[in-house]
C-alpha cells in the first residue's frame, strides 16, 4: 500500500518543482540569447528576459533546490548561501546604476544586446523592480533557516514582498499584453521574469511550511484547510473576473462603468457562494467533531463504570473469600482438608472472574455459568430449560458459587457420587411488571443417587449457599430428600429483567 504524503511533504515537493521550473525557464532564455533565437527570450510582448537576469534565476533556483535537500551538510549550506547571494548582489549593483545614473558594465557582461527595443536606454539591464525583487529573493534564500519573532520569519516577509512585486507585474500581463510598461519602474520586466519570480517566491515560502505564517496554511487543522481553499479563490477569482471585464470593454459589449458594476456584483456573488460552501463544510466537520467527542464521553463514562464495578467486585470477592475462610475454618477439622477445600473454591472464584473478564463485565447466560462450573468438576448435567436467561454481571459470582456448592455437595454425598447418578436442572424467569427485578426459579433434581431419607446436617456448602442467596441474590432455597436423592428449588431476584 503506497504511503500517503503529509501536507508538509506536498509543499516541499511543490517547492522543488517550482525551483526546477525557474531554472528551466532561465536556462531556455540563456540558450535563446546565445543562439540569437528571439522567441526564446521574449514571448509575444516585445520585452525579453535579460541574460544576467536569467543567470540570477538559475543561481536562485539552484539555491532553493539545495535548501530542500533532506541532509543539510555544511558544504550544502555554504553553496546554497553563495548561490543566493549572487542574485542579491546583481540586483543591488543594478539598482545602484539606476540610483546614481552610472554604468558598472555588468548589464552586457554575458551577452551583448546589439539592437535594444525602442525606448530602452540601458541595453541588457533589468528593470528597477526586477533588481529590487532579486535583492529581496536573494536575502530570503540566505535567511531561509533564520527563525524570527513569533509568526514573523524574515525569509517569509522577504518572499512575500517579492511575490507582491512579481504578482503585480504578472496580473498586468494577464490583463494587457503590454503589461505595466506605462509605469516606469516596471519597464523591461518580461512575462518570463514575472513568472520566475512568482515561482521562486512561492517556492521559498513552501520550502519551510511548518514555520511562521506558512504554518497557518500547511497545518492539518480545519482552519488551515479553509485557508488553503480561500487563498486559492481570493487570488484566482478577482484576476479572472478582471480579465473578463477588460475583454467585455474592449469588445464594446458593455461600457467601462457597467463593467465595473458587473465586476463588483460578480465578486459579491462568488464570495457569497464560497462562504456558504465553506460554512457547510465547517458545519459537517463540526458535526463529526461533536459526534467524536460524544463517543469519547460515552467511552470514558463506560470505563468509569467498569472501574467502579471492578472495584465493587474486588471488594465483594475479598469479602466472600474472608467469609469462606471463616466458615471453613469452623467446619474443618484438619489443615489438609481445609487447604484442599479452600483451594478448590478459590480456583472456582478465579474461573468466574475470567468468565466475567471475557464478557467485558457484561451479563452472562445461566447456561454458560453452568458449563464453566461443570467443566471444573469434569461433569455434565441435563438441562430442560425452555430458554436461556442472562444473569447481571454483579450477580454472576454468587450465582456461580451457589451452583458450584450444589455440585460439590452432590459429588460428595448426592447423585454425582455414583456413576449411575444424574442431575437435571431447569429454570423459569418470572417478569414482574411492577418491579425492576426479575424473579428466577432455579430447580435442581438428582436421580440415581444414594437414598437420603433424613435431611443431612448443614455443612459448609449449605451455609455458603444460604449466605449467597440471602445477601447477594435476594433469594432462598427449599430442599427435599427422598429415595432418588436431593431436590432443590431456588428462588432468586435478579437486579434487571434481561
Protein backbone atom coordinates (compact mmCIF):
# COMPACT_ATOMS: atom_id res chain seq x y z
CA UNK A 1 0.00 0.00 0.00
CA UNK A 2 1.56 3.36 -1.02
CA UNK A 3 2.44 5.69 1.81
CA UNK A 4 0.40 8.89 1.90
CA UNK A 5 2.26 12.21 1.83
CA UNK A 6 1.75 14.73 4.60
CA UNK A 7 0.79 18.32 3.80
CA UNK A 8 4.35 19.50 4.58
CA UNK A 9 5.79 16.96 2.13
CA UNK A 10 3.39 18.17 -0.57
CA UNK A 11 4.53 21.77 -0.03
CA UNK A 12 8.21 20.80 -0.12
CA UNK A 13 7.75 18.79 -3.32
CA UNK A 14 5.89 21.72 -4.82
CA UNK A 15 8.83 23.99 -3.93
CA UNK A 16 11.19 21.58 -5.69
CA UNK A 17 9.06 21.66 -8.86
CA UNK A 18 8.86 25.47 -8.80
CA UNK A 19 12.63 25.82 -8.36
CA UNK A 20 13.24 23.41 -11.21
CA UNK A 21 10.75 25.31 -13.39
CA UNK A 22 12.52 28.62 -12.78
CA UNK A 23 15.89 27.06 -13.69
CA UNK A 24 14.38 25.57 -16.86
CA UNK A 25 12.84 28.88 -17.97
CA UNK A 26 16.05 30.83 -17.27
CA UNK A 27 18.18 28.21 -18.98
CA UNK A 28 15.96 28.37 -22.07
CA UNK A 29 16.34 32.16 -22.14
CA UNK A 30 20.14 31.90 -21.94
CA UNK A 31 20.14 29.41 -24.81
CA UNK A 32 17.97 31.84 -26.78
CA UNK A 33 20.44 34.68 -26.17
CA UNK A 34 23.48 32.66 -27.21
CA UNK A 35 21.74 31.18 -30.28
CA UNK A 36 20.06 34.50 -31.13
CA UNK A 37 16.58 32.93 -31.07
CA UNK A 38 14.32 35.85 -30.18
CA UNK A 39 11.16 33.90 -29.32
CA UNK A 40 13.06 32.05 -26.60
CA UNK A 41 13.96 35.28 -24.81
CA UNK A 42 10.60 37.09 -25.01
CA UNK A 43 7.12 35.69 -25.53
CA UNK A 44 4.95 37.99 -27.60
CA UNK A 45 5.40 41.14 -25.52
CA UNK A 46 8.48 42.61 -27.14
CA UNK A 47 10.25 42.52 -23.75
CA UNK A 48 12.91 39.88 -23.24
CA UNK A 49 14.39 38.45 -20.08
CA UNK A 50 17.96 39.76 -19.88
CA UNK A 51 20.90 37.38 -19.80
CA UNK A 52 22.09 38.49 -16.37
CA UNK A 53 18.51 38.12 -15.14
CA UNK A 54 18.45 34.54 -16.45
CA UNK A 55 21.77 33.79 -14.72
CA UNK A 56 20.45 35.20 -11.45
CA UNK A 57 17.36 33.00 -11.73
CA UNK A 58 19.48 29.88 -12.34
CA UNK A 59 21.54 30.61 -9.24
CA UNK A 60 18.47 31.42 -7.13
CA UNK A 61 16.71 28.25 -8.29
CA UNK A 62 19.81 26.18 -7.52
CA UNK A 63 19.99 27.72 -4.05
CA UNK A 64 16.35 26.79 -3.45
CA UNK A 65 16.94 23.19 -4.55
CA UNK A 66 19.96 22.93 -2.23
CA UNK A 67 17.86 24.24 0.67
CA UNK A 68 15.37 21.45 0.03
CA UNK A 69 17.88 18.64 0.47
CA UNK A 70 16.90 16.37 3.42
CA UNK A 71 20.50 16.12 4.65
CA UNK A 72 21.94 19.62 5.06
CA UNK A 73 25.75 19.38 5.26
CA UNK A 74 27.98 22.37 5.87
CA UNK A 75 29.11 22.40 2.23
CA UNK A 76 25.48 22.32 1.04
CA UNK A 77 24.60 25.28 3.25
CA UNK A 78 27.62 27.29 2.08
CA UNK A 79 26.82 26.59 -1.60
CA UNK A 80 23.14 27.49 -1.10
CA UNK A 81 24.00 30.78 0.63
CA UNK A 82 26.62 31.57 -2.01
CA UNK A 83 24.24 30.92 -4.90
CA UNK A 84 21.59 33.05 -3.15
CA UNK A 85 23.93 35.99 -2.53
CA UNK A 86 24.91 36.39 -6.20
CA UNK A 87 21.36 37.35 -7.41
CA UNK A 88 21.07 39.75 -4.46
CA UNK A 89 24.41 41.35 -5.39
CA UNK A 90 23.40 41.57 -9.07
CA UNK A 91 20.15 43.24 -8.06
CA UNK A 92 21.91 45.67 -5.70
CA UNK A 93 24.50 46.67 -8.35
CA UNK A 94 21.79 47.16 -10.97
CA UNK A 95 19.70 49.24 -8.59
CA UNK A 96 22.74 51.39 -7.77
CA UNK A 97 23.19 52.02 -11.52
CA UNK A 98 19.67 53.43 -11.64
CA UNK A 99 20.04 55.47 -8.45
CA UNK A 100 23.37 57.09 -9.33
CA UNK A 101 22.95 57.07 -13.16
CA UNK A 102 26.16 55.15 -13.72
CA UNK A 103 27.22 52.13 -15.75
CA UNK A 104 29.11 49.38 -13.94
CA UNK A 105 29.41 47.38 -17.18
CA UNK A 106 27.57 44.36 -15.79
CA UNK A 107 24.45 44.65 -17.95
CA UNK A 108 26.01 43.09 -21.07
CA UNK A 109 28.74 41.11 -19.37
CA UNK A 110 27.38 37.76 -20.55
CA UNK A 111 25.68 38.66 -23.85
CA UNK A 112 25.64 41.91 -25.81
CA UNK A 113 22.30 43.32 -26.91
CA UNK A 114 23.07 44.70 -30.38
CA UNK A 115 19.57 46.00 -31.13
CA UNK A 116 17.73 47.01 -27.95
CA UNK A 117 13.99 47.69 -28.31
CA UNK A 118 12.78 51.24 -28.76
CA UNK A 119 12.64 53.18 -25.52
CA UNK A 120 15.29 51.03 -23.82
CA UNK A 121 18.08 53.38 -22.72
CA UNK A 122 20.21 50.75 -20.95
CA UNK A 123 20.67 47.63 -23.14
CA UNK A 124 20.86 44.37 -21.20
CA UNK A 125 19.79 45.97 -17.91
CA UNK A 126 16.89 44.57 -15.90
CA UNK A 127 14.13 46.85 -14.64
CA UNK A 128 14.38 48.58 -11.24
CA UNK A 129 11.60 46.37 -9.83
CA UNK A 130 13.38 43.25 -11.08
CA UNK A 131 16.57 44.41 -9.33
CA UNK A 132 14.63 45.09 -6.13
CA UNK A 133 12.94 41.70 -6.36
CA UNK A 134 16.32 39.95 -6.76
CA UNK A 135 17.61 41.67 -3.63
CA UNK A 136 14.57 40.51 -1.68
CA UNK A 137 14.61 36.99 -3.16
CA UNK A 138 18.34 36.50 -2.60
CA UNK A 139 18.11 37.65 1.01
CA UNK A 140 15.10 35.41 1.64
CA UNK A 141 17.13 32.40 0.46
CA UNK A 142 20.11 33.43 2.62
CA UNK A 143 17.87 33.81 5.69
CA UNK A 144 15.63 30.80 4.94
CA UNK A 145 16.63 28.96 8.13
CA UNK A 146 16.70 32.00 10.42
CA UNK A 147 13.88 31.96 12.96
CA UNK A 148 12.08 35.22 13.62
CA UNK A 149 9.92 36.55 16.42
CA UNK A 150 6.59 34.76 16.77
CA UNK A 151 4.99 34.15 13.40
CA UNK A 152 7.17 36.70 11.55
CA UNK A 153 10.00 34.86 9.80
CA UNK A 154 12.43 37.10 7.85
CA UNK A 155 12.57 34.77 4.82
CA UNK A 156 8.77 34.73 4.58
CA UNK A 157 8.47 38.52 4.76
CA UNK A 158 11.09 38.97 2.01
CA UNK A 159 9.48 36.27 -0.16
CA UNK A 160 6.04 37.85 0.26
CA UNK A 161 7.42 41.24 -0.85
CA UNK A 162 8.96 39.53 -3.90
CA UNK A 163 5.65 37.85 -4.62
CA UNK A 164 3.81 41.17 -4.34
CA UNK A 165 6.12 42.84 -6.90
CA UNK A 166 6.12 39.98 -9.41
CA UNK A 167 2.43 39.21 -8.88
CA UNK A 168 1.52 42.79 -9.78
CA UNK A 169 3.56 42.56 -12.98
CA UNK A 170 2.05 39.17 -13.85
CA UNK A 171 -1.51 40.40 -13.34
CA UNK A 172 -0.64 43.35 -15.57
CA UNK A 173 0.36 40.93 -18.33
CA UNK A 174 -2.81 38.90 -17.78
CA UNK A 175 -4.98 41.97 -18.44
CA UNK A 176 -2.85 43.77 -21.01
CA UNK A 177 -0.29 42.28 -23.46
CA UNK A 178 1.96 45.27 -22.76
CA UNK A 179 1.84 44.71 -19.02
CA UNK A 180 2.58 47.68 -16.77
CA UNK A 181 5.03 49.35 -19.13
CA UNK A 182 3.39 52.71 -18.61
CA UNK A 183 4.66 52.53 -15.01
CA UNK A 184 8.34 53.37 -15.30
CA UNK A 185 9.68 51.05 -12.61
CA UNK A 186 8.05 48.01 -14.28
CA UNK A 187 9.51 48.77 -17.72
CA UNK A 188 11.51 45.83 -19.12
CA UNK A 189 10.14 43.20 -16.69
CA UNK A 190 9.20 40.41 -19.08
CA UNK A 191 6.47 37.87 -18.52
CA UNK A 192 9.08 35.11 -18.04
CA UNK A 193 10.76 37.24 -15.36
CA UNK A 194 7.47 37.81 -13.55
CA UNK A 195 6.58 34.09 -13.73
CA UNK A 196 10.02 33.06 -12.44
CA UNK A 197 9.83 35.50 -9.52
CA UNK A 198 6.37 34.18 -8.61
CA UNK A 199 7.57 30.57 -8.81
CA UNK A 200 10.69 31.13 -6.68
CA UNK A 201 8.96 33.29 -4.05
CA UNK A 202 6.23 30.66 -3.62
CA UNK A 203 9.00 28.04 -3.55
CA UNK A 204 10.78 29.84 -0.70
CA UNK A 205 7.50 30.02 1.26
CA UNK A 206 6.80 26.31 0.64
CA UNK A 207 10.34 25.17 1.47
CA UNK A 208 9.73 25.60 5.23
CA UNK A 209 5.98 25.02 5.59
CA UNK A 210 5.95 24.33 9.33
CA UNK A 211 7.16 27.77 10.42
CA UNK A 212 5.77 31.25 10.62
CA UNK A 213 2.78 32.27 8.54
CA UNK A 214 3.05 29.16 6.37
CA UNK A 215 2.13 27.06 9.40
CA UNK A 216 -1.34 28.62 9.19
CA UNK A 217 -1.66 27.39 5.60
CA UNK A 218 0.06 24.00 5.74
CA UNK A 219 -1.27 22.79 9.10
CA UNK A 220 -3.52 19.74 9.49
CA UNK A 221 -6.34 21.58 11.26
CA UNK A 222 -9.62 22.75 9.77
CA UNK A 223 -8.55 26.40 9.76
CA UNK A 224 -5.51 25.58 7.64
CA UNK A 225 -7.60 23.59 5.17
CA UNK A 226 -10.04 26.50 4.85
CA UNK A 227 -7.12 28.94 4.41
CA UNK A 228 -5.71 26.86 1.53
CA UNK A 229 -9.06 26.86 -0.28
CA UNK A 230 -9.87 30.52 0.35
CA UNK A 231 -6.40 31.76 -0.64
CA UNK A 232 -6.75 29.99 -3.97
CA UNK A 233 -10.17 31.57 -4.54
CA UNK A 234 -9.03 35.01 -3.31
CA UNK A 235 -6.14 35.04 -5.79
CA UNK A 236 -7.83 33.47 -8.81
CA UNK A 237 -11.33 34.95 -8.67
CA UNK A 238 -10.51 38.70 -8.94
CA UNK A 239 -7.88 38.05 -11.63
CA UNK A 240 -10.24 36.04 -13.83
CA UNK A 241 -13.16 38.42 -13.35
CA UNK A 242 -10.93 41.43 -14.04
CA UNK A 243 -9.66 39.81 -17.22
CA UNK A 244 -13.24 39.10 -18.35
CA UNK A 245 -14.19 42.72 -17.58
CA UNK A 246 -11.40 44.05 -19.79
CA UNK A 247 -12.40 41.70 -22.62
CA UNK A 248 -16.03 42.87 -22.41
CA UNK A 249 -14.99 46.52 -22.52
CA UNK A 250 -12.57 46.01 -25.42
CA UNK A 251 -15.26 44.13 -27.36
CA UNK A 252 -17.64 47.09 -26.77
CA UNK A 253 -20.20 44.74 -25.21
CA UNK A 254 -20.52 46.90 -22.11
CA UNK A 255 -19.33 50.36 -21.11
CA UNK A 256 -16.44 50.71 -18.65
CA UNK A 257 -18.83 51.92 -15.96
CA UNK A 258 -21.19 48.97 -16.47
CA UNK A 259 -18.21 46.61 -16.49
CA UNK A 260 -17.15 47.89 -13.07
CA UNK A 261 -20.66 47.31 -11.70
CA UNK A 262 -20.78 43.80 -13.17
CA UNK A 263 -17.29 43.08 -11.82
CA UNK A 264 -18.26 44.13 -8.28
CA UNK A 265 -21.53 42.17 -8.40
CA UNK A 266 -19.80 39.01 -9.66
CA UNK A 267 -17.23 39.22 -6.86
CA UNK A 268 -20.02 39.62 -4.29
CA UNK A 269 -21.95 36.61 -5.66
CA UNK A 270 -18.86 34.41 -5.99
CA UNK A 271 -17.62 35.23 -2.49
CA UNK A 272 -21.07 34.56 -1.06
CA UNK A 273 -21.10 31.15 -2.75
CA UNK A 274 -17.60 30.37 -1.47
CA UNK A 275 -18.56 31.43 2.07
CA UNK A 276 -21.72 29.29 2.04
CA UNK A 277 -19.87 26.25 0.69
CA UNK A 278 -17.17 26.53 3.34
CA UNK A 279 -19.78 27.14 6.03
CA UNK A 280 -21.39 23.83 5.03
CA UNK A 281 -18.00 22.08 5.11
CA UNK A 282 -17.19 23.54 8.52
CA UNK A 283 -20.59 22.53 9.88
CA UNK A 284 -20.04 18.99 8.63
CA UNK A 285 -16.59 18.89 10.24
CA UNK A 286 -18.06 20.32 13.44
CA UNK A 287 -20.77 17.66 13.49
CA UNK A 288 -18.13 14.95 13.13
CA UNK A 289 -16.14 16.55 15.95
CA UNK A 290 -19.21 16.69 18.21
CA UNK A 291 -20.02 13.06 17.40
CA UNK A 292 -16.45 12.03 18.22
CA UNK A 293 -16.49 13.99 21.47
CA UNK A 294 -19.80 12.36 22.42
CA UNK A 295 -18.36 8.94 21.61
CA UNK A 296 -15.27 9.71 23.69
CA UNK A 297 -17.51 10.88 26.54
CA UNK A 298 -19.57 7.69 26.37
CA UNK A 299 -16.43 5.56 26.33
CA UNK A 300 -15.00 7.45 29.29
CA UNK A 301 -18.25 7.02 31.22
CA UNK A 302 -18.31 3.32 30.31
CA UNK A 303 -14.72 2.90 31.50
CA UNK A 304 -15.53 4.78 34.71
CA UNK A 305 -18.45 2.44 35.37
CA UNK A 306 -16.27 -0.57 34.58
CA UNK A 307 -13.61 0.57 37.05
CA UNK A 308 -16.29 1.24 39.64
CA UNK A 309 -17.82 -2.17 39.00
CA UNK A 310 -14.44 -3.88 39.17
CA UNK A 311 -13.69 -2.19 42.50
CA UNK A 312 -17.05 -3.39 43.78
CA UNK A 313 -16.32 -6.92 42.55
CA UNK A 314 -12.90 -6.97 44.17
CA UNK A 315 -14.38 -5.86 47.50
CA UNK A 316 -17.15 -8.49 47.18
CA UNK A 317 -14.68 -11.22 46.25
CA UNK A 318 -12.40 -10.34 49.14
CA UNK A 319 -15.38 -10.25 51.49
CA UNK A 320 -16.62 -13.59 50.13
CA UNK A 321 -13.14 -15.05 50.50
CA UNK A 322 -12.88 -13.89 54.09
CA UNK A 323 -16.33 -15.31 54.87
CA UNK A 324 -15.39 -18.54 53.09
CA UNK A 325 -12.22 -18.93 55.13
CA UNK A 326 -14.05 -18.15 58.37
CA UNK A 327 -16.83 -20.68 57.64
CA UNK A 328 -14.48 -23.44 56.53
CA UNK A 329 -12.14 -22.89 59.43
CA UNK A 330 -15.03 -23.50 61.80
CA UNK A 331 -16.24 -26.63 59.95
CA UNK A 332 -12.91 -28.24 59.00
CA UNK A 333 -11.01 -30.35 61.47
CA UNK A 334 -7.55 -30.66 59.93
CA UNK A 335 -5.34 -28.35 57.90
CA UNK A 336 -5.03 -30.67 54.87
CA UNK A 337 -8.81 -30.83 54.34
CA UNK A 338 -9.04 -27.07 54.86
CA UNK A 339 -6.31 -26.40 52.26
CA UNK A 340 -7.95 -28.71 49.70
CA UNK A 341 -11.38 -27.16 50.18
CA UNK A 342 -10.22 -23.56 50.13
CA UNK A 343 -8.00 -24.03 47.07
CA UNK A 344 -10.86 -25.58 45.08
CA UNK A 345 -13.25 -22.74 45.91
CA UNK A 346 -10.64 -20.03 45.22
CA UNK A 347 -9.94 -21.68 41.86
CA UNK A 348 -13.68 -21.54 41.14
CA UNK A 349 -13.74 -17.84 42.01
CA UNK A 350 -10.80 -17.28 39.63
CA UNK A 351 -12.65 -19.11 36.83
CA UNK A 352 -15.71 -16.91 37.46
CA UNK A 353 -13.53 -13.79 37.27
CA UNK A 354 -12.02 -14.95 33.95
CA UNK A 355 -15.51 -15.59 32.60
CA UNK A 356 -16.61 -12.06 33.52
CA UNK A 357 -13.45 -10.52 32.06
CA UNK A 358 -14.03 -12.39 28.79
CA UNK A 359 -17.56 -10.98 28.63
CA UNK A 360 -16.19 -7.44 29.36
CA UNK A 361 -18.24 -7.39 32.57
CA UNK A 362 -21.48 -7.71 30.67
CA UNK A 363 -24.36 -10.06 31.67
CA UNK A 364 -23.57 -13.79 31.31
CA UNK A 365 -26.05 -16.51 30.38
CA UNK A 366 -27.00 -19.02 33.07
CA UNK A 367 -26.26 -21.88 30.70
CA UNK A 368 -22.69 -20.60 30.26
CA UNK A 369 -22.23 -20.32 34.04
CA UNK A 370 -23.29 -23.95 34.46
CA UNK A 371 -20.90 -25.00 31.68
CA UNK A 372 -17.96 -23.30 33.39
CA UNK A 373 -18.74 -24.95 36.75
CA UNK A 374 -19.32 -28.43 35.29
CA UNK A 375 -16.08 -28.14 33.33
CA UNK A 376 -14.23 -27.61 36.61
CA UNK A 377 -15.80 -30.74 38.06
CA UNK A 378 -15.39 -32.71 34.79
CA UNK A 379 -19.12 -33.47 34.83
CA UNK A 380 -22.18 -32.85 32.66
CA UNK A 381 -25.77 -32.15 33.52
CA UNK A 382 -29.03 -32.28 31.64
CA UNK A 383 -31.00 -29.07 31.18
CA UNK A 384 -34.70 -28.95 30.38
CA UNK A 385 -34.97 -25.15 30.41
CA UNK A 386 -37.02 -23.82 27.51
CA UNK A 387 -34.85 -20.73 27.04
CA UNK A 388 -31.71 -19.21 28.44
CA UNK A 389 -31.54 -16.16 30.67
CA UNK A 390 -28.78 -13.62 31.26
CA UNK A 391 -27.57 -13.05 34.80
CA UNK A 392 -26.47 -9.46 35.59
CA UNK A 393 -22.71 -9.21 35.93
CA UNK A 394 -22.94 -8.11 39.58
CA UNK A 395 -24.82 -11.33 40.49
CA UNK A 396 -22.78 -13.75 38.38
CA UNK A 397 -20.20 -14.60 41.13
CA UNK A 398 -22.75 -15.50 43.87
CA UNK A 399 -24.91 -17.42 41.37
CA UNK A 400 -21.89 -19.36 40.13
CA UNK A 401 -20.78 -20.11 43.69
CA UNK A 402 -24.26 -21.42 44.55
CA UNK A 403 -24.13 -23.76 41.53
CA UNK A 404 -20.59 -24.78 42.46
CA UNK A 405 -21.64 -25.70 46.05
CA UNK A 406 -24.58 -27.74 44.70
CA UNK A 407 -22.19 -29.70 42.52
CA UNK A 408 -19.69 -30.09 45.35
CA UNK A 409 -22.34 -31.46 47.73
CA UNK A 410 -23.74 -33.76 45.04
CA UNK A 411 -20.26 -35.10 44.26
CA UNK A 412 -19.59 -35.80 47.96
CA UNK A 413 -22.96 -37.01 49.24
CA UNK A 414 -25.52 -36.99 46.41
CA UNK A 415 -26.23 -38.49 42.99
CA UNK A 416 -22.93 -37.48 41.40
CA UNK A 417 -21.06 -39.58 43.97
CA UNK A 418 -22.17 -42.65 41.93
CA UNK A 419 -21.52 -43.45 38.29
CA UNK A 420 -25.21 -44.01 37.69
CA UNK A 421 -26.26 -40.73 39.25
CA UNK A 422 -27.56 -37.84 37.16
CA UNK A 423 -28.56 -34.22 37.74
CA UNK A 424 -31.21 -32.30 35.82
CA UNK A 425 -31.61 -28.54 36.04
CA UNK A 426 -34.17 -26.12 34.66
CA UNK A 427 -35.20 -22.54 35.25
CA UNK A 428 -38.11 -20.25 34.54
CA UNK A 429 -37.95 -16.44 34.69
CA UNK A 430 -40.95 -14.53 36.05
CA UNK A 431 -41.03 -10.89 34.87
CA UNK A 432 -42.88 -8.73 37.34
CA UNK A 433 -44.28 -5.63 35.65
CA UNK A 434 -44.42 -3.78 38.98
CA UNK A 435 -40.77 -4.38 39.83
CA UNK A 436 -37.43 -3.53 38.29
CA UNK A 437 -36.26 -7.04 39.11
CA UNK A 438 -36.88 -10.43 37.54
CA UNK A 439 -37.64 -13.44 39.70
CA UNK A 440 -35.84 -16.61 38.66
CA UNK A 441 -36.93 -20.09 39.70
CA UNK A 442 -33.97 -22.48 39.51
CA UNK A 443 -34.67 -26.20 40.01
CA UNK A 444 -32.08 -28.89 40.81
CA UNK A 445 -33.18 -32.53 40.64
CA UNK A 446 -30.94 -35.52 41.33
CA UNK A 447 -31.58 -39.14 40.32
CA UNK A 448 -29.74 -42.46 40.72
CA UNK A 449 -28.01 -41.40 43.87
CA UNK A 450 -27.94 -42.81 47.39
CA UNK A 451 -31.21 -42.82 49.33
CA UNK A 452 -31.48 -39.80 51.65
CA UNK A 453 -34.45 -40.15 53.97
CA UNK A 454 -33.30 -37.72 56.67
CA UNK A 455 -32.27 -34.14 55.99
CA UNK A 456 -28.50 -34.01 56.39
CA UNK A 457 -26.82 -31.74 58.86
CA UNK A 458 -25.99 -28.34 57.37
CA UNK A 459 -22.32 -28.21 56.46
CA UNK A 460 -20.00 -25.65 54.89
CA UNK A 461 -21.57 -25.88 51.42
CA UNK A 462 -25.13 -25.45 52.73
CA UNK A 463 -24.15 -22.46 54.83
CA UNK A 464 -22.37 -20.87 51.86
CA UNK A 465 -25.42 -21.40 49.62
CA UNK A 466 -27.74 -19.81 52.19
CA UNK A 467 -25.35 -16.91 52.68
CA UNK A 468 -25.04 -16.15 48.96
CA UNK A 469 -28.80 -16.44 48.45
CA UNK A 470 -29.69 -14.24 51.38
CA UNK A 471 -27.13 -11.44 50.99
CA UNK A 472 -26.34 -11.33 47.26
CA UNK A 473 -29.22 -12.87 45.33
CA UNK A 474 -32.19 -11.78 47.49
CA UNK A 475 -33.48 -15.35 47.44
CA UNK A 476 -33.98 -18.58 49.35
CA UNK A 477 -33.79 -22.36 48.84
CA UNK A 478 -36.32 -25.13 49.51
CA UNK A 479 -34.82 -28.61 49.68
CA UNK A 480 -36.41 -32.05 49.81
CA UNK A 481 -34.85 -35.53 50.09
CA UNK A 482 -36.07 -38.98 49.05
CA UNK A 483 -35.13 -42.33 47.56
CA UNK A 484 -33.66 -40.79 44.35
CA UNK A 485 -31.66 -38.08 46.08
CA UNK A 486 -31.99 -34.37 46.76
CA UNK A 487 -34.20 -31.83 45.03
CA UNK A 488 -33.67 -28.09 45.43
CA UNK A 489 -35.97 -25.26 44.39
CA UNK A 490 -34.08 -21.95 44.47
CA UNK A 491 -35.80 -18.60 44.06
CA UNK A 492 -33.66 -15.51 43.39
CA UNK A 493 -34.27 -11.92 42.46
CA UNK A 494 -32.23 -10.63 39.52
CA UNK A 495 -31.30 -6.95 39.51
CA UNK A 496 -32.57 -6.37 35.97
CA UNK A 497 -35.03 -8.13 33.71
CA UNK A 498 -32.79 -9.31 30.85
